[in-house]
C-alpha atoms as a PDB file:
ATOM      1  CA  MET A   1       5.428  21.723   8.610  1.00  0.00           C
ATOM      2  CA  LYS A   2       3.927  20.367  12.154  1.00  0.00           C
ATOM      3  CA  LYS A   3       0.552  22.659  12.235  1.00  0.00           C
ATOM      4  CA  ILE A   4       0.344  21.506   8.545  1.00  0.00           C
ATOM      5  CA  ILE A   5       0.351  17.830   8.988  1.00  0.00           C
ATOM      6  CA  LYS A   6      -1.491  18.068  12.165  1.00  0.00           C
ATOM      7  CA  TYR A   7      -4.585  20.458  10.753  1.00  0.00           C
ATOM      8  CA  VAL A   8      -4.595  17.184   7.910  1.00  0.00           C
ATOM      9  CA  ILE A   9      -4.734  14.338  10.219  1.00  0.00           C
ATOM     10  CA  ILE A  10      -7.214  16.133  12.149  1.00  0.00           C
ATOM     11  CA  ASP A  11      -9.088  16.916   8.955  1.00  0.00           C
ATOM     12  CA  ILE A  12      -9.343  13.392   7.963  1.00  0.00           C
ATOM     13  CA  LEU A  13      -9.571  11.899  11.226  1.00  0.00           C
ATOM     14  CA  ARG A  14     -13.171  13.848  11.205  1.00  0.00           C
ATOM     15  CA  ASN A  15     -13.861  12.127   7.809  1.00  0.00           C
ATOM     16  CA  LYS A  16     -16.964   9.961   8.228  1.00  0.00           C
ATOM     17  CA  ILE A  17     -15.614   7.284   5.654  1.00  0.00           C
ATOM     18  CA  ILE A  18     -12.177   7.041   7.229  1.00  0.00           C
ATOM     19  CA  LEU A  19     -14.082   6.447  10.426  1.00  0.00           C
ATOM     20  CA  ALA A  20     -16.545   4.119   8.660  1.00  0.00           C
ATOM     21  CA  PHE A  21     -13.484   2.578   6.786  1.00  0.00           C
ATOM     22  CA  THR A  22     -11.699   1.614  10.284  1.00  0.00           C
ATOM     23  CA  LEU A  23     -14.944   0.466  11.644  1.00  0.00           C
ATOM     24  CA  PHE A  24     -15.802  -2.014   8.975  1.00  0.00           C
ATOM     25  CA  LEU A  25     -11.908  -3.138   8.912  1.00  0.00           C
ATOM     26  CA  LEU A  26     -12.415  -3.930  13.073  1.00  0.00           C
ATOM     27  CA  ALA A  27     -15.473  -5.028  12.508  1.00  0.00           C
ATOM     28  CA  LEU A  28     -14.114  -7.568   9.677  1.00  0.00           C
ATOM     29  CA  SER A  29     -11.205  -8.745  11.770  1.00  0.00           C
ATOM     30  CA  LEU A  30     -12.568  -9.285  14.821  1.00  0.00           C
ATOM     31  CA  SER A  31     -15.327 -11.603  13.209  1.00  0.00           C
ATOM     32  CA  ILE A  32     -12.363 -13.469  10.821  1.00  0.00           C
ATOM     33  CA  PHE A  33     -10.558 -14.204  13.663  1.00  0.00           C
ATOM     34  CA  ASN A  34     -13.662 -15.347  16.136  1.00  0.00           C
ATOM     35  CA  LEU A  35     -14.995 -17.634  13.324  1.00  0.00           C
ATOM     36  CA  GLU A  36     -11.786 -19.299  12.498  1.00  0.00           C
ATOM     37  CA  ASP A  37     -10.943 -22.439  14.181  1.00  0.00           C
ATOM     38  CA  SER A  38      -6.893 -21.396  13.796  1.00  0.00           C
ATOM     39  CA  SER A  39      -6.025 -17.739  14.203  1.00  0.00           C
ATOM     40  CA  ALA A  40      -3.124 -18.163  11.482  1.00  0.00           C
ATOM     41  CA  LYS A  41      -5.978 -19.078   9.230  1.00  0.00           C
ATOM     42  CA  GLY A  42      -7.558 -15.977  10.118  1.00  0.00           C
ATOM     43  CA  VAL A  43      -4.808 -14.434   9.092  1.00  0.00           C
ATOM     44  CA  LEU A  44      -4.729 -16.173   5.659  1.00  0.00           C
ATOM     45  CA  SER A  45      -8.373 -14.868   4.965  1.00  0.00           C
ATOM     46  CA  LEU A  46      -7.498 -10.781   6.541  1.00  0.00           C
ATOM     47  CA  LEU A  47      -4.425 -11.389   3.919  1.00  0.00           C
ATOM     48  CA  ASN A  48      -6.668 -10.451   0.629  1.00  0.00           C
ATOM     49  CA  ILE A  49      -8.282  -7.643   2.550  1.00  0.00           C
ATOM     50  CA  VAL A  50      -5.073  -6.178   2.924  1.00  0.00           C
ATOM     51  CA  LEU A  51      -3.946  -6.644  -0.384  1.00  0.00           C
ATOM     52  CA  ILE A  52      -7.230  -5.539  -2.757  1.00  0.00           C
ATOM     53  CA  ILE A  53      -9.291  -3.372  -0.150  1.00  0.00           C
ATOM     54  CA  VAL A  54      -6.792  -1.319   1.646  1.00  0.00           C
ATOM     55  CA  PRO A  55      -4.470  -0.270  -1.425  1.00  0.00           C
ATOM     56  CA  MET A  56      -7.805   0.556  -3.224  1.00  0.00           C
ATOM     57  CA  VAL A  57      -9.216   2.565  -0.183  1.00  0.00           C
ATOM     58  CA  SER A  58      -6.064   4.345  -0.064  1.00  0.00           C
ATOM     59  CA  ILE A  59      -5.163   5.365  -3.044  1.00  0.00           C
ATOM     60  CA  LEU A  60      -8.472   6.347  -4.064  1.00  0.00           C
ATOM     61  CA  PHE A  61      -8.848   8.333  -0.899  1.00  0.00           C
ATOM     62  CA  THR A  62      -5.534  10.244  -1.208  1.00  0.00           C
ATOM     63  CA  ALA A  63      -6.890  11.336  -4.879  1.00  0.00           C
ATOM     64  CA  ILE A  64      -9.983  12.454  -3.768  1.00  0.00           C
ATOM     65  CA  TYR A  65      -8.738  14.238  -0.539  1.00  0.00           C
ATOM     66  CA  VAL A  66      -5.867  16.015  -2.877  1.00  0.00           C
ATOM     67  CA  TYR A  67      -8.380  17.596  -5.364  1.00  0.00           C
ATOM     68  CA  ASN A  68     -10.592  18.521  -3.100  1.00  0.00           C
ATOM     69  CA  SER A  69      -7.967  20.321  -1.080  1.00  0.00           C
ATOM     70  CA  ALA A  70      -6.665  22.309  -4.598  1.00  0.00           C
ATOM     71  CA  GLU A  71      -7.854  25.348  -2.649  1.00  0.00           C
ATOM     72  CA  PHE A  72      -6.055  24.973   0.599  1.00  0.00           C
ATOM     73  CA  LEU A  73      -2.909  24.375  -1.276  1.00  0.00           C
ATOM     74  CA  GLU A  74      -3.207  27.714  -3.464  1.00  0.00           C
ATOM     75  CA  LEU A  75      -3.639  29.618  -0.034  1.00  0.00           C
ATOM     76  CA  LEU A  76      -0.456  27.872   1.126  1.00  0.00           C
ATOM     77  CA  VAL A  77       1.732  28.010  -2.086  1.00  0.00           C
ATOM     78  CA  SER A  78       0.874  32.322  -1.153  1.00  0.00           C
ATOM     79  CA  GLN A  79       2.257  31.585   2.525  1.00  0.00           C
ATOM     80  CA  PRO A  80       5.992  32.281   2.529  1.00  0.00           C
ATOM     81  CA  LEU A  81       6.284  28.436   2.238  1.00  0.00           C
ATOM     82  CA  LYS A  82       8.592  26.381   0.622  1.00  0.00           C
ATOM     83  CA  ARG A  83       6.360  23.978  -1.361  1.00  0.00           C
ATOM     84  CA  LYS A  84       8.512  21.000  -0.686  1.00  0.00           C
ATOM     85  CA  THR A  85       7.550  21.588   2.634  1.00  0.00           C
ATOM     86  CA  ILE A  86       3.375  21.590   1.741  1.00  0.00           C
ATOM     87  CA  TRP A  87       3.786  18.840   0.002  1.00  0.00           C
ATOM     88  CA  LEU A  88       5.312  16.814   2.284  1.00  0.00           C
ATOM     89  CA  SER A  89       3.412  17.892   4.873  1.00  0.00           C
ATOM     90  CA  MET A  90       0.408  17.074   2.756  1.00  0.00           C
ATOM     91  CA  PHE A  91       1.955  13.496   2.197  1.00  0.00           C
ATOM     92  CA  THR A  92       3.005  12.835   5.977  1.00  0.00           C
ATOM     93  CA  GLY A  93      -0.574  14.088   7.370  1.00  0.00           C
ATOM     94  CA  LEU A  94      -2.182  11.499   4.595  1.00  0.00           C
ATOM     95  CA  ALA A  95      -0.026   8.190   5.430  1.00  0.00           C
ATOM     96  CA  SER A  96      -0.241   8.717   9.418  1.00  0.00           C
ATOM     97  CA  SER A  97      -4.260   8.904   9.160  1.00  0.00           C
ATOM     98  CA  LEU A  98      -4.638   6.105   6.676  1.00  0.00           C
ATOM     99  CA  VAL A  99      -2.064   4.469   8.483  1.00  0.00           C
ATOM    100  CA  LEU A 100      -3.584   4.811  11.638  1.00  0.00           C
ATOM    101  CA  SER A 101      -6.783   3.121  10.679  1.00  0.00           C
ATOM    102  CA  PHE A 102      -5.204   0.589   9.122  1.00  0.00           C
ATOM    103  CA  PHE A 103      -3.608  -0.469  12.335  1.00  0.00           C
ATOM    104  CA  ILE A 104      -6.686   0.016  15.028  1.00  0.00           C
ATOM    105  CA  GLY A 105      -8.712  -2.009  12.273  1.00  0.00           C
ATOM    106  CA  ILE A 106      -6.401  -4.678  11.276  1.00  0.00           C
ATOM    107  CA  GLY A 107      -3.352  -4.218  12.923  1.00  0.00           C
ATOM    108  CA  VAL A 108      -5.031  -4.220  16.786  1.00  0.00           C
ATOM    109  CA  PRO A 109      -6.978  -7.513  16.227  1.00  0.00           C
ATOM    110  CA  VAL A 110      -4.164  -8.943  14.525  1.00  0.00           C
ATOM    111  CA  MET A 111      -1.630  -8.573  17.771  1.00  0.00           C
ATOM    112  CA  LEU A 112      -4.679  -9.399  20.165  1.00  0.00           C
ATOM    113  CA  TYR A 113      -5.352 -12.719  18.236  1.00  0.00           C
ATOM    114  CA  GLU A 114      -2.068 -13.827  16.189  1.00  0.00           C
ATOM    115  CA  PHE A 115       1.082 -12.283  18.256  1.00  0.00           C
ATOM    116  CA  SER A 116       3.454 -13.844  15.342  1.00  0.00           C
ATOM    117  CA  ALA A 117       6.082 -13.638  12.697  1.00  0.00           C
ATOM    118  CA  THR A 118       3.102 -13.764  10.472  1.00  0.00           C
ATOM    119  CA  GLY A 119       0.967 -11.626  12.465  1.00  0.00           C
ATOM    120  CA  ALA A 120       3.873  -8.903  12.546  1.00  0.00           C
ATOM    121  CA  ALA A 121       4.480  -9.497   8.671  1.00  0.00           C
ATOM    122  CA  LEU A 122       0.564  -8.732   8.183  1.00  0.00           C
ATOM    123  CA  VAL A 123       0.401  -5.755   9.992  1.00  0.00           C
ATOM    124  CA  VAL A 124       4.187  -4.136   8.439  1.00  0.00           C
ATOM    125  CA  ALA A 125       3.433  -5.395   4.677  1.00  0.00           C
ATOM    126  CA  GLY A 126      -0.612  -3.937   5.259  1.00  0.00           C
ATOM    127  CA  ILE A 127       1.376  -0.247   6.864  1.00  0.00           C
ATOM    128  CA  LEU A 128       3.629   0.003   3.704  1.00  0.00           C
ATOM    129  CA  LEU A 129       0.964  -0.878   0.975  1.00  0.00           C
ATOM    130  CA  THR A 130      -1.127   2.131   2.900  1.00  0.00           C
ATOM    131  CA  VAL A 131       2.356   4.570   2.564  1.00  0.00           C
ATOM    132  CA  ILE A 132       2.907   3.333  -1.308  1.00  0.00           C
ATOM    133  CA  PHE A 133      -0.584   3.955  -2.689  1.00  0.00           C
ATOM    134  CA  VAL A 134      -0.755   6.945  -0.945  1.00  0.00           C
ATOM    135  CA  ALA A 135       2.393   7.943  -2.675  1.00  0.00           C
ATOM    136  CA  ILE A 136       1.159   6.491  -5.987  1.00  0.00           C
ATOM    137  CA  ALA A 137      -1.732   8.343  -5.411  1.00  0.00           C
ATOM    138  CA  MET A 138      -0.087  11.797  -4.487  1.00  0.00           C
ATOM    139  CA  LEU A 139       2.195  11.140  -8.013  1.00  0.00           C
ATOM    140  CA  ALA A 140      -0.905  10.808 -10.162  1.00  0.00           C
ATOM    141  CA  ALA A 141      -3.225  13.726  -8.766  1.00  0.00           C
ATOM    142  CA  VAL A 142      -0.124  16.248  -8.950  1.00  0.00           C
ATOM    143  CA  LYS A 143       0.581  15.390 -12.637  1.00  0.00           C
ATOM    144  CA  ILE A 144      -3.131  14.871 -13.908  1.00  0.00           C
ATOM    145  CA  ARG A 145      -5.078  18.321 -13.328  1.00  0.00           C
ATOM    146  CA  ASP A 146      -8.353  17.326 -13.786  1.00  0.00           C
ATOM    147  CA  LYS A 147     -10.319  15.784 -11.469  1.00  0.00           C
ATOM    148  CA  ALA A 148     -12.508  12.975 -13.082  1.00  0.00           C
ATOM    149  CA  ARG A 149      -9.346  12.114 -15.495  1.00  0.00           C
ATOM    150  CA  GLY A 150      -7.257  11.445 -12.079  1.00  0.00           C
ATOM    151  CA  ILE A 151      -9.567   9.277 -10.547  1.00  0.00           C
ATOM    152  CA  GLY A 152     -10.055   7.318 -13.028  1.00  0.00           C
ATOM    153  CA  ALA A 153      -5.969   7.261 -13.616  1.00  0.00           C
ATOM    154  CA  VAL A 154      -5.886   5.683 -10.389  1.00  0.00           C
ATOM    155  CA  ILE A 155      -8.710   3.442 -10.086  1.00  0.00           C
ATOM    156  CA  LEU A 156      -6.712   2.225 -13.020  1.00  0.00           C
ATOM    157  CA  LEU A 157      -3.168   2.124 -11.199  1.00  0.00           C
ATOM    158  CA  TRP A 158      -5.037  -0.063  -8.705  1.00  0.00           C
ATOM    159  CA  LEU A 159      -6.405  -2.495 -11.350  1.00  0.00           C
ATOM    160  CA  TYR A 160      -3.162  -3.009 -13.070  1.00  0.00           C
ATOM    161  CA  PHE A 161      -1.084  -3.503  -9.818  1.00  0.00           C
ATOM    162  CA  SER A 162      -3.905  -5.764  -7.596  1.00  0.00           C
ATOM    163  CA  LEU A 163      -5.238  -7.977 -11.277  1.00  0.00           C
ATOM    164  CA  LEU A 164      -3.880  -6.986 -14.596  1.00  0.00           C
ATOM    165  CA  PHE A 165      -0.227  -7.690 -13.351  1.00  0.00           C
ATOM    166  CA  ASP A 166      -0.709 -11.101 -12.044  1.00  0.00           C
ATOM    167  CA  GLY A 167      -2.620 -11.749 -15.668  1.00  0.00           C
ATOM    168  CA  LEU A 168       0.482 -10.384 -17.718  1.00  0.00           C
ATOM    169  CA  VAL A 169       2.739 -12.361 -15.463  1.00  0.00           C
ATOM    170  CA  LEU A 170       1.102 -15.917 -16.769  1.00  0.00           C
ATOM    171  CA  PHE A 171       0.880 -14.782 -20.114  1.00  0.00           C
ATOM    172  CA  ILE A 172       4.250 -14.445 -20.064  1.00  0.00           C
ATOM    173  CA  LEU A 173       5.057 -18.025 -18.191  1.00  0.00           C
ATOM    174  CA  PHE A 174       3.128 -19.524 -21.114  1.00  0.00           C
ATOM    175  CA  GLN A 175       4.828 -17.897 -23.571  1.00  0.00           C
ATOM    176  CA  PHE A 176       7.607 -19.040 -22.119  1.00  0.00           C
ATOM    177  CA  ALA A 177       6.594 -22.096 -20.529  1.00  0.00           C
ATOM    178  CA  ASP A 178       9.508 -24.188 -22.209  1.00  0.00           C
ATOM    179  CA  TYR A 179      12.197 -21.757 -20.271  1.00  0.00           C
ATOM    180  CA  PRO A 180      13.361 -21.807 -16.800  1.00  0.00           C
ATOM    181  CA  MET A 181      11.600 -18.840 -15.229  1.00  0.00           C
ATOM    182  CA  GLU A 182      11.973 -18.884 -11.593  1.00  0.00           C
ATOM    183  CA  LYS A 183      14.527 -16.607 -11.337  1.00  0.00           C
ATOM    184  CA  ALA A 184      12.718 -14.424 -13.360  1.00  0.00           C
ATOM    185  CA  MET A 185      10.025 -14.264 -11.697  1.00  0.00           C
ATOM    186  CA  VAL A 186      11.923 -13.017  -8.296  1.00  0.00           C
ATOM    187  CA  VAL A 187      13.127  -9.945 -10.392  1.00  0.00           C
ATOM    188  CA  ILE A 188       9.427  -9.532 -11.908  1.00  0.00           C
ATOM    189  CA  THR A 189       7.746  -9.287  -8.731  1.00  0.00           C
ATOM    190  CA  VAL A 190      10.000  -6.858  -7.295  1.00  0.00           C
ATOM    191  CA  PHE A 191       7.787  -4.799  -9.887  1.00  0.00           C
ATOM    192  CA  ASN A 192       4.640  -5.155  -8.196  1.00  0.00           C
ATOM    193  CA  PRO A 193       4.487  -4.142  -4.189  1.00  0.00           C
ATOM    194  CA  ILE A 194       1.335  -6.315  -4.001  1.00  0.00           C
ATOM    195  CA  ASP A 195       2.544  -9.171  -4.914  1.00  0.00           C
ATOM    196  CA  LEU A 196       5.877  -8.420  -3.004  1.00  0.00           C
ATOM    197  CA  SER A 197       4.034  -8.135  -0.132  1.00  0.00           C
ATOM    198  CA  ARG A 198       1.961 -11.078  -0.957  1.00  0.00           C
ATOM    199  CA  ILE A 199       5.328 -13.314  -0.797  1.00  0.00           C
ATOM    200  CA  MET A 200       6.727 -11.788   2.319  1.00  0.00           C
ATOM    201  CA  VAL A 201       3.562 -12.988   4.196  1.00  0.00           C
ATOM    202  CA  LEU A 202       2.985 -16.655   2.921  1.00  0.00           C
ATOM    203  CA  LEU A 203       6.595 -17.297   3.324  1.00  0.00           C
ATOM    204  CA  LYS A 204       6.323 -16.204   7.263  1.00  0.00           C
ATOM    205  CA  MET A 205       3.098 -18.630   7.071  1.00  0.00           C
ATOM    206  CA  ASP A 206       5.583 -21.349   5.594  1.00  0.00           C
ATOM    207  CA  VAL A 207       2.699 -22.437   2.485  1.00  0.00           C
ATOM    208  CA  SER A 208       6.231 -22.107   0.422  1.00  0.00           C
ATOM    209  CA  ALA A 209       5.701 -25.772  -0.104  1.00  0.00           C
ATOM    210  CA  MET A 210       2.268 -25.725  -2.309  1.00  0.00           C
ATOM    211  CA  MET A 211       4.517 -23.495  -4.748  1.00  0.00           C
ATOM    212  CA  GLY A 212       6.478 -25.753  -6.214  1.00  0.00           C
ATOM    213  CA  TYR A 213       9.667 -24.749  -7.246  1.00  0.00           C
ATOM    214  CA  THR A 214       8.977 -21.560  -7.737  1.00  0.00           C
ATOM    215  CA  GLY A 215       8.101 -21.090  -4.226  1.00  0.00           C
ATOM    216  CA  ALA A 216      11.036 -22.772  -3.265  1.00  0.00           C
ATOM    217  CA  VAL A 217      13.057 -20.210  -5.452  1.00  0.00           C
ATOM    218  CA  PHE A 218      11.254 -17.653  -3.626  1.00  0.00           C
ATOM    219  CA  LYS A 219      11.714 -19.121   0.133  1.00  0.00           C
ATOM    220  CA  ASN A 220      15.785 -19.783  -1.101  1.00  0.00           C
ATOM    221  CA  PHE A 221      15.763 -15.553  -1.543  1.00  0.00           C
ATOM    222  CA  PHE A 222      12.892 -14.016   0.059  1.00  0.00           C
ATOM    223  CA  GLY A 223      12.978 -16.502   3.045  1.00  0.00           C
ATOM    224  CA  THR A 224      16.375 -15.219   4.296  1.00  0.00           C
ATOM    225  CA  ALA A 225      17.263 -12.337   6.289  1.00  0.00           C
ATOM    226  CA  ALA A 226      19.441 -10.610   3.129  1.00  0.00           C
ATOM    227  CA  GLY A 227      16.082 -11.512   1.124  1.00  0.00           C
ATOM    228  CA  LEU A 228      13.478  -9.727   4.079  1.00  0.00           C
ATOM    229  CA  CYS A 229      16.381  -6.893   3.684  1.00  0.00           C
ATOM    230  CA  THR A 230      15.824  -6.602   0.321  1.00  0.00           C
ATOM    231  CA  THR A 231      12.153  -7.114  -0.201  1.00  0.00           C
ATOM    232  CA  LEU A 232      12.111  -4.582   2.965  1.00  0.00           C
ATOM    233  CA  LEU A 233      14.533  -1.330   0.726  1.00  0.00           C
ATOM    234  CA  VAL A 234      12.376  -2.413  -2.399  1.00  0.00           C
ATOM    235  CA  LEU A 235       9.041  -1.360  -0.643  1.00  0.00           C
ATOM    236  CA  VAL A 236      10.743   1.197   0.759  1.00  0.00           C
ATOM    237  CA  GLY A 237      11.470   2.444  -2.751  1.00  0.00           C
ATOM    238  CA  TRP A 238       7.964   2.429  -3.890  1.00  0.00           C
ATOM    239  CA  ILE A 239       7.224   4.796  -1.103  1.00  0.00           C
ATOM    240  CA  ALA A 240      10.664   7.031  -1.747  1.00  0.00           C
ATOM    241  CA  VAL A 241      10.390   7.599  -5.295  1.00  0.00           C
ATOM    242  CA  PRO A 242       6.896   8.280  -5.807  1.00  0.00           C
ATOM    243  CA  ALA A 243       7.140  10.726  -3.393  1.00  0.00           C
ATOM    244  CA  TRP A 244       9.872  12.206  -4.770  1.00  0.00           C
ATOM    245  CA  LEU A 245       9.111  12.585  -8.070  1.00  0.00           C
ATOM    246  CA  SER A 246       5.374  13.842  -6.981  1.00  0.00           C
ATOM    247  CA  VAL A 247       7.388  16.746  -5.127  1.00  0.00           C
ATOM    248  CA  ARG A 248       9.507  17.982  -8.106  1.00  0.00           C
ATOM    249  CA  LYS A 249       5.874  17.704 -10.455  1.00  0.00           C
ATOM    250  CA  PHE A 250       4.547  20.010  -7.414  1.00  0.00           C
ATOM    251  CA  ASN A 251       7.822  22.101  -7.313  1.00  0.00           C
ATOM    252  CA  ARG A 252       7.357  23.101 -10.997  1.00  0.00           C
ATOM    253  CA  LYS A 253       3.513  23.098 -11.285  1.00  0.00           C
ATOM    254  CA  GLU A 254       1.186  25.931 -12.262  1.00  0.00           C
ATOM    255  CA  LEU A 255      -1.639  26.140  -9.457  1.00  0.00           C
END
């Protein structure tokens, strides 16, 4: 298992796309912190990058890499290795490489310029989102055999989590405007890891007052120690469930 993980990590770190992505994040982070008059504003500016760009690159790169590694996977399956070990090794290698890329590009500048609870929340959210979208991409790739359809599916999934989900939530709020929906919003938020990460970081920045009564409800739940632990457990669940489903599918799949 260690040899497979090592091979995947080295192979990905040599990839020009990952190197370019790391340098892009690093240059962007340093530019934002040097241009903003406050490091806290820099974290807020980086939040949109973490919530939109990082999941997009993670899900797309993972799906393409898995499809391009089909022959490598077939070779490994022909060896006396458990399929579960092969798939989890691939997942670990992909997740570790992309997390390292994110940490160098955004984590290091954040720790240098804004070493605080807010900065730590941003880095943790980015790492968790990276691994979550790696898991989702691997599930999509193992379920859909055709490469074009699979890549199209992961793009749609990214669009859903980053844009369409918020539109659906606004539609529900307008339809049920006469009813108290604030507590229901806490439950709905659990079904989108991007929104959950956004709330976790924003509450650390103490801008919940700008969100009205809904923000107060979020702060009462997510702002407590128990709420933070629940949030982290839900985000870990977003990693564990897709990863487990993809392992089950890979065990039964005919290559």
